[in-house]
């Protein structure tokens, strides 16, 4: 059974691997010894915010393209 910290590390890895459909990110397990759950949760939250911010300009660009195509 995975600990909470191991689950958080796994979630972070999955999120990092979701960029550009590449599955190449792995996190050194020794991080579990040195990072606490609060830090891991903050990293996960920051990555989610960053991913959301990256998606927003793409969405705006697509909407502009759609408007041009409609004209």
PDB file of N, CA and C in Angstrom:
ATOM      1  N   UNK A   1       0.845  -1.178   0.000  1.00  0.00           N
ATOM      2  CA  UNK A   1       0.000   0.000   0.000  1.00  0.00           C
ATOM      3  C   UNK A   1       0.895   1.247   0.000  1.00  0.00           C
ATOM      4  N   UNK A   2       0.535   2.199  -0.834  1.00  0.00           N
ATOM      5  CA  UNK A   2       1.321   3.432  -0.948  1.00  0.00           C
ATOM      6  C   UNK A   2       1.006   4.379   0.203  1.00  0.00           C
ATOM      7  N   UNK A   3       2.034   5.071   0.667  1.00  0.00           N
ATOM      8  CA  UNK A   3       1.828   6.109   1.672  1.00  0.00           C
ATOM      9  C   UNK A   3       1.283   7.355   0.972  1.00  0.00           C
ATOM     10  N   UNK A   4       0.826   8.309   1.747  1.00  0.00           N
ATOM     11  CA  UNK A   4       0.332   9.564   1.170  1.00  0.00           C
ATOM     12  C   UNK A   4       1.425  10.264   0.374  1.00  0.00           C
ATOM     13  N   UNK A   5       2.643  10.254   0.901  1.00  0.00           N
ATOM     14  CA  UNK A   5       3.749  10.907   0.210  1.00  0.00           C
ATOM     15  C   UNK A   5       4.044  10.204  -1.118  1.00  0.00           C
ATOM     16  N   UNK A   6       4.010   8.891  -1.117  1.00  0.00           N
ATOM     17  CA  UNK A   6       4.251   8.147  -2.362  1.00  0.00           C
ATOM     18  C   UNK A   6       3.154   8.433  -3.386  1.00  0.00           C
ATOM     19  N   UNK A   7       1.926   8.548  -2.926  1.00  0.00           N
ATOM     20  CA  UNK A   7       0.815   8.876  -3.828  1.00  0.00           C
ATOM     21  C   UNK A   7       1.002  10.273  -4.434  1.00  0.00           C
ATOM     22  N   UNK A   8       1.434  11.218  -3.610  1.00  0.00           N
ATOM     23  CA  UNK A   8       1.661  12.580  -4.101  1.00  0.00           C
ATOM     24  C   UNK A   8       2.776  12.599  -5.139  1.00  0.00           C
ATOM     25  N   UNK A   9       3.865  11.889  -4.871  1.00  0.00           N
ATOM     26  CA  UNK A   9       4.965  11.802  -5.835  1.00  0.00           C
ATOM     27  C   UNK A   9       4.463  11.200  -7.138  1.00  0.00           C
ATOM     28  N   UNK A  10       3.645  10.174  -7.032  1.00  0.00           N
ATOM     29  CA  UNK A  10       3.091   9.524  -8.218  1.00  0.00           C
ATOM     30  C   UNK A  10       2.195  10.489  -9.004  1.00  0.00           C
ATOM     31  N   UNK A  11       1.384  11.265  -8.309  1.00  0.00           N
ATOM     32  CA  UNK A  11       0.523  12.251  -8.969  1.00  0.00           C
ATOM     33  C   UNK A  11       1.349  13.320  -9.671  1.00  0.00           C
ATOM     34  N   UNK A  12       2.420  13.761  -9.022  1.00  0.00           N
ATOM     35  CA  UNK A  12       3.299  14.765  -9.629  1.00  0.00           C
ATOM     36  C   UNK A  12       3.934  14.197 -10.893  1.00  0.00           C
ATOM     37  N   UNK A  13       4.420  12.965 -10.818  1.00  0.00           N
ATOM     38  CA  UNK A  13       5.015  12.328 -11.995  1.00  0.00           C
ATOM     39  C   UNK A  13       3.990  12.214 -13.121  1.00  0.00           C
ATOM     40  N   UNK A  14       2.784  11.792 -12.792  1.00  0.00           N
ATOM     41  CA  UNK A  14       1.739  11.661 -13.813  1.00  0.00           C
ATOM     42  C   UNK A  14       1.427  12.999 -14.464  1.00  0.00           C
ATOM     43  N   UNK A  15       1.375  14.041 -13.665  1.00  0.00           N
ATOM     44  CA  UNK A  15       1.095  15.374 -14.204  1.00  0.00           C
ATOM     45  C   UNK A  15       2.233  15.838 -15.112  1.00  0.00           C
ATOM     46  N   UNK A  16       3.464  15.651 -14.665  1.00  0.00           N
ATOM     47  CA  UNK A  16       4.605  16.029 -15.495  1.00  0.00           C
ATOM     48  C   UNK A  16       4.629  15.234 -16.796  1.00  0.00           C
ATOM     49  N   UNK A  17       4.235  13.990 -16.732  1.00  0.00           N
ATOM     50  CA  UNK A  17       4.239  13.141 -17.921  1.00  0.00           C
ATOM     51  C   UNK A  17       3.077  13.450 -18.863  1.00  0.00           C
ATOM     52  N   UNK A  18       2.130  14.232 -18.410  1.00  0.00           N
ATOM     53  CA  UNK A  18       0.995  14.570 -19.270  1.00  0.00           C
ATOM     54  C   UNK A  18       1.346  15.669 -20.267  1.00  0.00           C
ATOM     55  N   UNK A  19       2.466  16.360 -20.073  1.00  0.00           N
ATOM     56  CA  UNK A  19       2.907  17.385 -21.016  1.00  0.00           C
ATOM     57  C   UNK A  19       3.432  16.715 -22.271  1.00  0.00           C
ATOM     58  N   UNK A  20       2.919  17.125 -23.411  1.00  0.00           N
ATOM     59  CA  UNK A  20       3.381  16.633 -24.714  1.00  0.00           C
ATOM     60  C   UNK A  20       3.342  15.118 -24.830  1.00  0.00           C
ATOM     61  N   UNK A  21       2.497  14.469 -24.054  1.00  0.00           N
ATOM     62  CA  UNK A  21       2.335  13.009 -24.102  1.00  0.00           C
ATOM     63  C   UNK A  21       3.657  12.262 -23.969  1.00  0.00           C
ATOM     64  N   UNK A  22       4.559  12.788 -23.193  1.00  0.00           N
ATOM     65  CA  UNK A  22       5.835  12.119 -22.961  1.00  0.00           C
ATOM     66  C   UNK A  22       5.820  11.488 -21.576  1.00  0.00           C
ATOM     67  N   UNK A  23       6.272  10.254 -21.511  1.00  0.00           N
ATOM     68  CA  UNK A  23       6.307   9.539 -20.240  1.00  0.00           C
ATOM     69  C   UNK A  23       7.752   9.319 -19.816  1.00  0.00           C
ATOM     70  N   UNK A  24       8.476  10.392 -19.637  1.00  0.00           N
ATOM     71  CA  UNK A  24       9.894  10.268 -19.350  1.00  0.00           C
ATOM     72  C   UNK A  24      10.296  10.808 -17.981  1.00  0.00           C
ATOM     73  N   UNK A  25       9.357  11.346 -17.227  1.00  0.00           N
ATOM     74  CA  UNK A  25       9.698  11.949 -15.949  1.00  0.00           C
ATOM     75  C   UNK A  25       9.641  10.917 -14.837  1.00  0.00           C
ATOM     76  N   UNK A  26      10.684  10.852 -14.075  1.00  0.00           N
ATOM     77  CA  UNK A  26      10.651  10.043 -12.861  1.00  0.00           C
ATOM     78  C   UNK A  26      11.300  10.849 -11.749  1.00  0.00           C
ATOM     79  N   UNK A  27      10.784  10.677 -10.576  1.00  0.00           N
ATOM     80  CA  UNK A  27      11.273  11.425  -9.425  1.00  0.00           C
ATOM     81  C   UNK A  27      12.047  10.462  -8.540  1.00  0.00           C
ATOM     82  N   UNK A  28      13.197  10.908  -8.126  1.00  0.00           N
ATOM     83  CA  UNK A  28      14.047  10.093  -7.271  1.00  0.00           C
ATOM     84  C   UNK A  28      13.314   9.769  -5.970  1.00  0.00           C
ATOM     85  N   UNK A  29      13.193   8.502  -5.636  1.00  0.00           N
ATOM     86  CA  UNK A  29      12.466   8.121  -4.407  1.00  0.00           C
ATOM     87  C   UNK A  29      13.075   8.692  -3.135  1.00  0.00           C
ATOM     88  N   UNK A  30      14.327   9.095  -3.182  1.00  0.00           N
ATOM     89  CA  UNK A  30      14.936   9.684  -1.982  1.00  0.00           C
ATOM     90  C   UNK A  30      14.261  10.993  -1.590  1.00  0.00           C
ATOM     91  N   UNK A  31      13.506  11.583  -2.530  1.00  0.00           N
ATOM     92  CA  UNK A  31      12.752  12.798  -2.184  1.00  0.00           C
ATOM     93  C   UNK A  31      11.732  12.523  -1.082  1.00  0.00           C
ATOM     94  N   UNK A  32      11.263  11.305  -1.031  1.00  0.00           N
ATOM     95  CA  UNK A  32      10.298  10.961   0.012  1.00  0.00           C
ATOM     96  C   UNK A  32      10.889  11.160   1.407  1.00  0.00           C
ATOM     97  N   UNK A  33      12.151  10.927   1.534  1.00  0.00           N
ATOM     98  CA  UNK A  33      12.799  11.071   2.840  1.00  0.00           C
ATOM     99  C   UNK A  33      12.952  12.531   3.231  1.00  0.00           C
ATOM    100  N   UNK A  34      13.072  13.400   2.242  1.00  0.00           N
ATOM    101  CA  UNK A  34      13.447  14.771   2.543  1.00  0.00           C
ATOM    102  C   UNK A  34      12.291  15.760   2.448  1.00  0.00           C
ATOM    103  N   UNK A  35      11.243  15.414   1.716  1.00  0.00           N
ATOM    104  CA  UNK A  35      10.119  16.342   1.551  1.00  0.00           C
ATOM    105  C   UNK A  35       8.932  15.885   2.394  1.00  0.00           C
ATOM    106  N   UNK A  36       8.223  16.864   2.915  1.00  0.00           N
ATOM    107  CA  UNK A  36       7.028  16.516   3.673  1.00  0.00           C
ATOM    108  C   UNK A  36       5.796  16.608   2.772  1.00  0.00           C
ATOM    109  N   UNK A  37       4.675  16.149   3.280  1.00  0.00           N
ATOM    110  CA  UNK A  37       3.437  16.136   2.494  1.00  0.00           C
ATOM    111  C   UNK A  37       3.011  17.536   2.075  1.00  0.00           C
ATOM    112  N   UNK A  38       3.193  18.493   2.938  1.00  0.00           N
ATOM    113  CA  UNK A  38       2.792  19.868   2.628  1.00  0.00           C
ATOM    114  C   UNK A  38       3.574  20.380   1.415  1.00  0.00           C
ATOM    115  N   UNK A  39       4.866  20.119   1.389  1.00  0.00           N
ATOM    116  CA  UNK A  39       5.693  20.550   0.257  1.00  0.00           C
ATOM    117  C   UNK A  39       5.264  19.857  -1.028  1.00  0.00           C
ATOM    118  N   UNK A  40       4.999  18.571  -0.933  1.00  0.00           N
ATOM    119  CA  UNK A  40       4.580  17.819  -2.114  1.00  0.00           C
ATOM    120  C   UNK A  40       3.228  18.313  -2.632  1.00  0.00           C
ATOM    121  N   UNK A  41       2.318  18.607  -1.725  1.00  0.00           N
ATOM    122  CA  UNK A  41       1.016  19.139  -2.129  1.00  0.00           C
ATOM    123  C   UNK A  41       1.167  20.490  -2.812  1.00  0.00           C
ATOM    124  N   UNK A  42       2.086  21.316  -2.317  1.00  0.00           N
ATOM    125  CA  UNK A  42       2.322  22.627  -2.922  1.00  0.00           C
ATOM    126  C   UNK A  42       2.897  22.482  -4.322  1.00  0.00           C
ATOM    127  N   UNK A  43       3.823  21.542  -4.494  1.00  0.00           N
ATOM    128  CA  UNK A  43       4.389  21.288  -5.823  1.00  0.00           C
ATOM    129  C   UNK A  43       3.288  20.861  -6.780  1.00  0.00           C
ATOM    130  N   UNK A  44       2.439  19.954  -6.341  1.00  0.00           N
ATOM    131  CA  UNK A  44       1.344  19.477  -7.178  1.00  0.00           C
ATOM    132  C   UNK A  44       0.403  20.624  -7.547  1.00  0.00           C
ATOM    133  N   UNK A  45       0.062  21.452  -6.569  1.00  0.00           N
ATOM    134  CA  UNK A  45      -0.817  22.598  -6.818  1.00  0.00           C
ATOM    135  C   UNK A  45      -0.180  23.574  -7.817  1.00  0.00           C
ATOM    136  N   UNK A  46       1.110  23.848  -7.626  1.00  0.00           N
ATOM    137  CA  UNK A  46       1.813  24.760  -8.535  1.00  0.00           C
ATOM    138  C   UNK A  46       1.839  24.217  -9.966  1.00  0.00           C
ATOM    139  N   UNK A  47       2.057  22.910 -10.101  1.00  0.00           N
ATOM    140  CA  UNK A  47       2.067  22.302 -11.431  1.00  0.00           C
ATOM    141  C   UNK A  47       0.692  22.379 -12.095  1.00  0.00           C
ATOM    142  N   UNK A  48      -0.353  22.176 -11.308  1.00  0.00           N
ATOM    143  CA  UNK A  48      -1.710  22.265 -11.854  1.00  0.00           C
ATOM    144  C   UNK A  48      -2.013  23.689 -12.320  1.00  0.00           C
ATOM    145  N   UNK A  49      -1.595  24.674 -11.538  1.00  0.00           N
ATOM    146  CA  UNK A  49      -1.794  26.075 -11.923  1.00  0.00           C
ATOM    147  C   UNK A  49      -1.018  26.380 -13.193  1.00  0.00           C
ATOM    148  N   UNK A  50       0.221  25.915 -13.252  1.00  0.00           N
ATOM    149  CA  UNK A  50       1.049  26.157 -14.432  1.00  0.00           C
ATOM    150  C   UNK A  50       0.431  25.512 -15.672  1.00  0.00           C
ATOM    151  N   UNK A  51      -0.078  24.307 -15.518  1.00  0.00           N
ATOM    152  CA  UNK A  51      -0.689  23.620 -16.660  1.00  0.00           C
ATOM    153  C   UNK A  51      -1.934  24.372 -17.125  1.00  0.00           C
ATOM    154  N   UNK A  52      -2.716  24.875 -16.184  1.00  0.00           N
ATOM    155  CA  UNK A  52      -3.915  25.643 -16.529  1.00  0.00           C
ATOM    156  C   UNK A  52      -3.538  26.919 -17.272  1.00  0.00           C
ATOM    157  N   UNK A  53      -2.485  27.584 -16.821  1.00  0.00           N
ATOM    158  CA  UNK A  53      -2.050  28.823 -17.473  1.00  0.00           C
ATOM    159  C   UNK A  53      -1.520  28.550 -18.879  1.00  0.00           C
ATOM    160  N   UNK A  54      -0.917  27.403 -19.088  1.00  0.00           N
ATOM    161  CA  UNK A  54      -0.426  27.057 -20.419  1.00  0.00           C
ATOM    162  C   UNK A  54      -1.585  26.768 -21.366  1.00  0.00           C
ATOM    163  N   UNK A  55      -2.668  26.224 -20.843  1.00  0.00           N
ATOM    164  CA  UNK A  55      -3.815  25.888 -21.671  1.00  0.00           C
ATOM    165  C   UNK A  55      -4.599  27.129 -22.075  1.00  0.00           C
ATOM    166  N   UNK A  56      -4.617  28.148 -21.245  1.00  0.00           N
ATOM    167  CA  UNK A  56      -5.406  29.345 -21.517  1.00  0.00           C
ATOM    168  C   UNK A  56      -4.986  30.062 -22.796  1.00  0.00           C
ATOM    169  N   UNK A  57      -3.701  30.334 -23.022  1.00  0.00           N
ATOM    170  CA  UNK A  57      -3.336  31.001 -24.289  1.00  0.00           C
ATOM    171  C   UNK A  57      -3.693  30.155 -25.510  1.00  0.00           C
ATOM    172  N   UNK A  58      -3.576  28.843 -25.403  1.00  0.00           N
ATOM    173  CA  UNK A  58      -3.952  27.975 -26.512  1.00  0.00           C
ATOM    174  C   UNK A  58      -5.439  28.115 -26.818  1.00  0.00           C
ATOM    175  N   UNK A  59      -6.242  28.162 -25.775  1.00  0.00           N
ATOM    176  CA  UNK A  59      -7.686  28.308 -25.953  1.00  0.00           C
ATOM    177  C   UNK A  59      -8.009  29.662 -26.584  1.00  0.00           C
ATOM    178  N   UNK A  60      -7.340  30.710 -26.111  1.00  0.00           N
ATOM    179  CA  UNK A  60      -7.566  32.038 -26.680  1.00  0.00           C
ATOM    180  C   UNK A  60      -7.158  32.070 -28.151  1.00  0.00           C
ATOM    181  N   UNK A  61      -6.040  31.448 -28.473  1.00  0.00           N
ATOM    182  CA  UNK A  61      -5.577  31.395 -29.854  1.00  0.00           C
ATOM    183  C   UNK A  61      -6.589  30.650 -30.723  1.00  0.00           C
ATOM    184  N   UNK A  62      -7.105  29.532 -30.209  1.00  0.00           N
ATOM    185  CA  UNK A  62      -8.083  28.764 -30.979  1.00  0.00           C
ATOM    186  C   UNK A  62      -9.357  29.567 -31.218  1.00  0.00           C
ATOM    187  N   UNK A  63      -9.787  30.338 -30.224  1.00  0.00           N
ATOM    188  CA  UNK A  63     -10.977  31.168 -30.392  1.00  0.00           C
ATOM    189  C   UNK A  63     -10.751  32.241 -31.452  1.00  0.00           C
ATOM    190  N   UNK A  64      -9.565  32.830 -31.492  1.00  0.00           N
ATOM    191  CA  UNK A  64      -9.243  33.823 -32.517  1.00  0.00           C
ATOM    192  C   UNK A  64      -9.244  33.174 -33.903  1.00  0.00           C
ATOM    193  N   UNK A  65      -8.681  31.984 -33.988  1.00  0.00           N
ATOM    194  CA  UNK A  65      -8.651  31.257 -35.247  1.00  0.00           C
ATOM    195  C   UNK A  65     -10.081  30.932 -35.706  1.00  0.00           C
ATOM    196  N   UNK A  66     -10.915  30.549 -34.775  1.00  0.00           N
ATOM    197  CA  UNK A  66     -12.311  30.232 -35.082  1.00  0.00           C
ATOM    198  C   UNK A  66     -13.033  31.451 -35.625  1.00  0.00           C
ATOM    199  N   UNK A  67     -12.794  32.629 -35.027  1.00  0.00           N
ATOM    200  CA  UNK A  67     -13.431  33.869 -35.497  1.00  0.00           C
ATOM    201  C   UNK A  67     -12.982  34.199 -36.923  1.00  0.00           C
ATOM    202  N   UNK A  68     -11.708  34.017 -37.211  1.00  0.00           N
ATOM    203  CA  UNK A  68     -11.193  34.285 -38.547  1.00  0.00           C
ATOM    204  C   UNK A  68     -11.817  33.320 -39.543  1.00  0.00           C
ATOM    205  N   UNK A  69     -11.938  32.069 -39.179  1.00  0.00           N
ATOM    206  CA  UNK A  69     -12.493  31.051 -40.076  1.00  0.00           C
ATOM    207  C   UNK A  69     -13.976  31.307 -40.371  1.00  0.00           C
ATOM    208  N   UNK A  70     -14.687  31.890 -39.401  1.00  0.00           N
ATOM    209  CA  UNK A  70     -16.112  32.161 -39.587  1.00  0.00           C
ATOM    210  C   UNK A  70     -16.338  33.312 -40.571  1.00  0.00           C
ATOM    211  N   UNK A  71     -15.364  34.212 -40.712  1.00  0.00           N
ATOM    212  CA  UNK A  71     -15.527  35.375 -41.597  1.00  0.00           C
ATOM    213  C   UNK A  71     -15.270  35.006 -42.996  1.00  0.00           C
TER     214      UNK A  71
END
